[in-house]
Amino acid sequence: MKEPVQPAPASTVDEAEIQRFSALADTWWDPQGKMGVLHKFNPVRLAFIRDTVARHFGRDPADGETLKGLRLLDIGCGGGLLCEPMARLGADVVGADASPTNIEVARIHRDRSGVAVDYREATAEGLAEAGETFDVVLNMEVIEHVADTELFMRACTGMVRPGGLMFVATINRTAKAFALAIVGGEYVLRWLPRGTHSWNKFVRPEELSALLAAGDMRILEETGVIYNPLADSWRTSRDMDVNYMVAATKDGTTDVG
């Protein structure tokens, strides 16, 4: 008698997405290359994270070690563009990505920079199952690329310690986002290769709010992010029709202050 076939374990990994970003891995740290848009976007993301963490944990945002004593996860870390600045601000950083190529690129750059980051080839659900927990979880430009949004967010929220924070950056599912992020960003400006984004995987703010609430998290801060073509730079805005960022907390107490 044949053994019954066991169902494959649930996974958030979209193999096509992993292969696409692996092919771009060697350009992660080139500000003039295919990831140039992320390099331009990074100052806005970093300021939002630093300032929100400072307010939440009672830190000084001008302190060079604002994140000292905080354990931080950057899920879907890519080549490490957020991990290294977070480590320089004093955080104990784990950078996780399902792409072995991206992790190798991140490790090479880390070793050259001399910054302490623990890079792991891992998924959100794998880390959650291992019992990993963090004071801060960065979930930046990842949710619109996963295969199972609910499983992914359940794993991510489950790793946030009571009193901790999660940051989510994503793209709103609007006609404006289709025009600007896909047609404009991929076909006209060619910031990213065609097919990088799928409009039907974009996440509306109310959908994200529900996913966070299901993980016992409530939103503290939210902001849109818009591109200024004249200044060739990004800035925060009330307009959340395209790119937006959210900071949420899991109510409770933490021993990190």
Protein backbone atom coordinates (compact mmCIF):
# COMPACT_ATOMS: atom_id res chain seq x y z
CA MET A 1 0.00 0.00 0.00
CA LYS A 2 1.38 3.34 -1.00
CA GLU A 3 2.06 5.98 1.61
CA PRO A 4 -0.38 8.92 1.37
CA VAL A 5 1.08 11.96 -0.34
CA GLN A 6 1.67 14.72 2.17
CA PRO A 7 0.61 18.21 1.11
CA ALA A 8 3.44 20.66 0.52
CA PRO A 9 3.93 23.11 3.39
CA ALA A 10 2.42 26.54 2.89
CA SER A 11 4.86 29.12 1.62
CA THR A 12 4.80 32.83 0.87
CA VAL A 13 7.59 32.52 -1.70
CA ASP A 14 6.72 33.40 -5.28
CA GLU A 15 9.49 31.65 -7.23
CA ALA A 16 9.08 33.89 -10.28
CA GLU A 17 9.57 36.97 -8.08
CA ILE A 18 12.65 35.43 -6.42
CA GLN A 19 14.24 34.64 -9.78
CA ARG A 20 13.51 38.14 -11.07
CA PHE A 21 15.18 39.87 -8.12
CA SER A 22 18.08 37.41 -8.05
CA ALA A 23 18.88 38.42 -11.62
CA LEU A 24 19.17 42.02 -10.43
CA ALA A 25 21.30 41.24 -7.39
CA ASP A 26 24.61 42.46 -8.79
CA THR A 27 23.13 45.92 -9.27
CA TRP A 28 21.76 46.38 -5.72
CA TRP A 29 24.48 48.77 -4.56
CA ASP A 30 24.83 50.77 -7.79
CA PRO A 31 22.97 54.09 -7.29
CA GLN A 32 23.06 54.65 -11.05
CA GLY A 33 21.90 51.13 -11.89
CA LYS A 34 18.58 49.32 -11.98
CA MET A 35 18.08 49.79 -8.23
CA GLY A 36 18.72 53.53 -8.47
CA VAL A 37 15.10 54.29 -7.59
CA LEU A 38 15.56 52.50 -4.24
CA HIS A 39 18.70 54.50 -3.51
CA LYS A 40 16.71 57.70 -4.09
CA PHE A 41 13.82 56.35 -2.03
CA ASN A 42 16.04 55.25 0.85
CA PRO A 43 16.46 58.63 2.65
CA VAL A 44 12.66 58.96 3.00
CA ARG A 45 12.31 55.41 4.32
CA LEU A 46 15.20 55.79 6.74
CA ALA A 47 13.91 59.07 8.17
CA PHE A 48 10.40 57.66 8.65
CA ILE A 49 11.74 54.59 10.45
CA ARG A 50 14.24 56.49 12.62
CA ASP A 51 11.84 59.23 13.66
CA THR A 52 8.95 56.87 14.41
CA VAL A 53 11.18 54.55 16.45
CA ALA A 54 12.53 57.55 18.37
CA ARG A 55 9.02 58.75 19.26
CA HIS A 56 7.78 55.29 20.16
CA PHE A 57 10.70 54.22 22.32
CA GLY A 58 11.53 57.67 23.72
CA ARG A 59 14.82 58.06 21.86
CA ASP A 60 16.60 61.07 20.39
CA PRO A 61 16.37 60.93 16.56
CA ALA A 62 19.52 63.03 16.32
CA ASP A 63 21.48 60.50 18.35
CA GLY A 64 23.84 58.51 16.18
CA GLU A 65 22.70 55.35 17.98
CA THR A 66 18.95 55.90 18.02
CA LEU A 67 18.28 52.17 17.60
CA LYS A 68 20.80 50.91 20.15
CA GLY A 69 19.52 47.89 22.08
CA LEU A 70 16.73 47.11 19.59
CA ARG A 71 16.59 43.82 17.71
CA LEU A 72 15.46 44.49 14.15
CA LEU A 73 14.40 42.29 11.24
CA ASP A 74 14.40 43.45 7.63
CA ILE A 75 12.31 40.83 5.82
CA GLY A 76 12.91 40.70 2.07
CA CYS A 77 16.13 42.64 2.63
CA GLY A 78 17.46 42.29 -0.91
CA GLY A 79 21.03 43.53 -1.07
CA GLY A 80 20.87 45.15 2.36
CA LEU A 81 20.12 48.78 1.51
CA LEU A 82 18.17 49.24 4.75
CA CYS A 83 20.06 46.76 6.92
CA GLU A 84 23.40 48.56 6.93
CA PRO A 85 21.99 52.00 7.88
CA MET A 86 19.90 50.38 10.63
CA ALA A 87 23.00 48.65 12.00
CA ARG A 88 24.93 51.93 11.92
CA LEU A 89 22.16 53.44 14.07
CA GLY A 90 22.88 50.80 16.69
CA ALA A 91 20.30 48.09 15.98
CA ASP A 92 21.02 44.38 16.20
CA VAL A 93 19.98 43.59 12.62
CA VAL A 94 18.83 40.37 10.98
CA GLY A 95 18.39 40.67 7.22
CA ALA A 96 16.36 37.86 5.64
CA ASP A 97 15.65 37.12 1.98
CA ALA A 98 14.45 34.03 0.14
CA SER A 99 16.93 34.68 -2.67
CA PRO A 100 20.36 33.11 -2.00
CA THR A 101 21.89 35.44 -4.60
CA ASN A 102 20.62 38.55 -2.83
CA ILE A 103 21.90 37.27 0.51
CA GLU A 104 25.33 36.57 -0.96
CA VAL A 105 25.48 40.10 -2.42
CA ALA A 106 24.41 41.55 0.94
CA ARG A 107 27.08 39.55 2.79
CA ILE A 108 29.81 40.63 0.38
CA HIS A 109 28.88 44.30 0.76
CA ARG A 110 28.62 43.91 4.56
CA ASP A 111 32.12 42.47 4.73
CA ARG A 112 33.49 45.31 2.63
CA SER A 113 31.68 47.92 4.75
CA GLY A 114 32.56 46.39 8.12
CA VAL A 115 28.96 46.65 9.35
CA ALA A 116 27.55 43.94 11.63
CA VAL A 117 24.44 42.42 10.00
CA ASP A 118 23.22 38.83 10.37
CA TYR A 119 22.09 37.91 6.84
CA ARG A 120 20.00 34.77 6.40
CA GLU A 121 18.49 32.98 3.44
CA ALA A 122 15.07 32.57 5.03
CA THR A 123 11.35 33.24 4.69
CA ALA A 124 9.07 35.07 7.10
CA GLU A 125 7.20 31.89 7.95
CA GLY A 126 10.46 30.02 8.51
CA LEU A 127 11.71 32.62 10.97
CA ALA A 128 8.34 32.72 12.74
CA GLU A 129 8.26 28.94 13.08
CA ALA A 130 11.76 29.09 14.60
CA GLY A 131 10.39 31.39 17.32
CA GLU A 132 12.29 34.51 16.28
CA THR A 133 11.01 37.80 17.77
CA PHE A 134 12.01 41.42 17.24
CA ASP A 135 11.46 44.91 18.61
CA VAL A 136 11.19 46.26 15.06
CA VAL A 137 10.22 44.48 11.85
CA LEU A 138 10.78 46.18 8.50
CA ASN A 139 8.40 44.95 5.79
CA MET A 140 9.36 47.35 3.02
CA GLU A 141 8.24 46.89 -0.60
CA VAL A 142 7.75 43.15 -0.02
CA ILE A 143 4.07 42.41 0.55
CA GLU A 144 3.16 43.14 -3.09
CA HIS A 145 5.59 40.42 -4.20
CA VAL A 146 4.58 37.45 -2.01
CA ALA A 147 2.44 34.47 -3.02
CA ASP A 148 0.26 34.38 0.11
CA THR A 149 -0.38 37.80 1.64
CA GLU A 150 -2.29 36.56 4.69
CA LEU A 151 0.30 33.91 5.59
CA PHE A 152 3.11 36.40 5.09
CA MET A 153 1.55 39.05 7.31
CA ARG A 154 0.58 36.50 9.95
CA ALA A 155 4.20 35.40 10.13
CA CYS A 156 5.50 38.98 10.23
CA THR A 157 3.11 40.27 12.88
CA GLY A 158 3.76 37.16 14.95
CA MET A 159 7.43 38.10 15.23
CA VAL A 160 6.78 41.59 16.64
CA ARG A 161 7.31 41.69 20.39
CA PRO A 162 4.67 43.32 22.63
CA GLY A 163 5.28 47.04 22.49
CA GLY A 164 7.25 46.62 19.27
CA LEU A 165 6.84 48.14 15.83
CA MET A 166 6.32 47.02 12.26
CA PHE A 167 6.93 49.23 9.25
CA VAL A 168 5.22 48.43 5.96
CA ALA A 169 5.85 50.18 2.66
CA THR A 170 3.84 49.16 -0.39
CA ILE A 171 1.78 50.42 -3.33
CA ASN A 172 -1.93 51.20 -3.36
CA ARG A 173 -4.15 49.32 -5.82
CA THR A 174 -5.52 52.31 -7.71
CA ALA A 175 -5.71 53.40 -11.33
CA LYS A 176 -3.24 56.15 -10.45
CA ALA A 177 -0.78 53.57 -9.17
CA PHE A 178 -1.13 51.55 -12.37
CA ALA A 179 -0.40 54.66 -14.42
CA LEU A 180 2.55 55.88 -12.34
CA ALA A 181 4.14 52.79 -10.78
CA ILE A 182 3.73 50.38 -13.69
CA VAL A 183 3.30 52.37 -16.90
CA GLY A 184 5.43 55.30 -15.75
CA GLY A 185 8.00 53.49 -13.62
CA GLU A 186 8.54 50.40 -15.77
CA TYR A 187 7.67 51.44 -19.32
CA VAL A 188 8.36 55.18 -19.55
CA LEU A 189 11.07 56.00 -16.99
CA ARG A 190 12.36 52.40 -16.99
CA TRP A 191 13.29 52.57 -13.30
CA LEU A 192 12.64 48.83 -13.05
CA PRO A 193 12.33 46.03 -15.61
CA ARG A 194 8.91 45.48 -17.13
CA GLY A 195 6.91 43.00 -15.09
CA THR A 196 8.49 43.90 -11.75
CA HIS A 197 5.07 44.81 -10.37
CA SER A 198 1.65 43.22 -10.77
CA TRP A 199 -1.23 45.64 -10.21
CA ASN A 200 -3.54 42.98 -8.78
CA LYS A 201 -1.00 42.29 -6.00
CA PHE A 202 -0.94 45.92 -4.83
CA VAL A 203 -2.48 46.45 -1.38
CA ARG A 204 -5.07 49.06 -0.45
CA PRO A 205 -4.54 50.83 2.92
CA GLU A 206 -7.77 49.39 4.33
CA GLU A 207 -6.64 45.88 3.37
CA LEU A 208 -3.28 46.41 5.04
CA SER A 209 -5.03 47.79 8.14
CA ALA A 210 -7.14 44.63 8.34
CA LEU A 211 -4.10 42.38 7.97
CA LEU A 212 -2.32 44.26 10.75
CA ALA A 213 -5.37 44.16 13.01
CA ALA A 214 -5.58 40.39 12.51
CA GLY A 215 -2.08 40.24 14.00
CA ASP A 216 -3.09 42.35 17.03
CA MET A 217 -1.41 45.45 15.67
CA ARG A 218 -2.70 48.99 15.37
CA ILE A 219 -1.49 51.74 13.08
CA LEU A 220 0.41 54.64 14.66
CA GLU A 221 1.64 56.53 11.61
CA GLU A 222 0.91 56.51 7.91
CA THR A 223 2.12 58.64 5.05
CA GLY A 224 2.16 58.74 1.29
CA VAL A 225 5.41 59.04 -0.63
CA ILE A 226 5.58 60.92 -3.92
CA TYR A 227 8.27 61.56 -6.52
CA ASN A 228 9.26 65.10 -7.51
CA PRO A 229 10.65 64.90 -11.07
CA LEU A 230 12.07 68.43 -10.95
CA ALA A 231 14.15 67.68 -7.85
CA ASP A 232 14.63 64.03 -8.83
CA SER A 233 13.80 63.03 -5.27
CA TRP A 234 11.09 61.48 -3.08
CA ARG A 235 9.25 63.07 -0.18
CA THR A 236 6.43 62.24 2.21
CA SER A 237 2.94 63.46 1.36
CA ARG A 238 -0.71 63.17 2.37
CA ASP A 239 -1.29 61.53 -1.00
CA MET A 240 -1.41 57.76 -0.43
CA ASP A 241 -2.83 56.93 -3.86
CA VAL A 242 0.41 55.29 -5.05
CA ASN A 243 3.32 54.66 -2.66
CA TYR A 244 2.67 54.73 1.06
CA MET A 245 4.25 53.71 4.37
CA VAL A 246 2.66 52.60 7.64
CA ALA A 247 4.03 52.12 11.15
CA ALA A 248 2.05 49.86 13.50
CA THR A 249 2.56 48.65 17.06
CA LYS A 250 1.62 45.55 18.98
CA ASP A 251 0.13 46.73 22.28
CA GLY A 252 1.86 45.49 25.38
CA THR A 253 5.04 46.15 27.27
CA THR A 254 8.63 45.64 26.27
CA ASP A 255 11.78 45.69 28.36
CA VAL A 256 13.57 47.81 25.78
CA GLY A 257 13.44 51.53 26.47
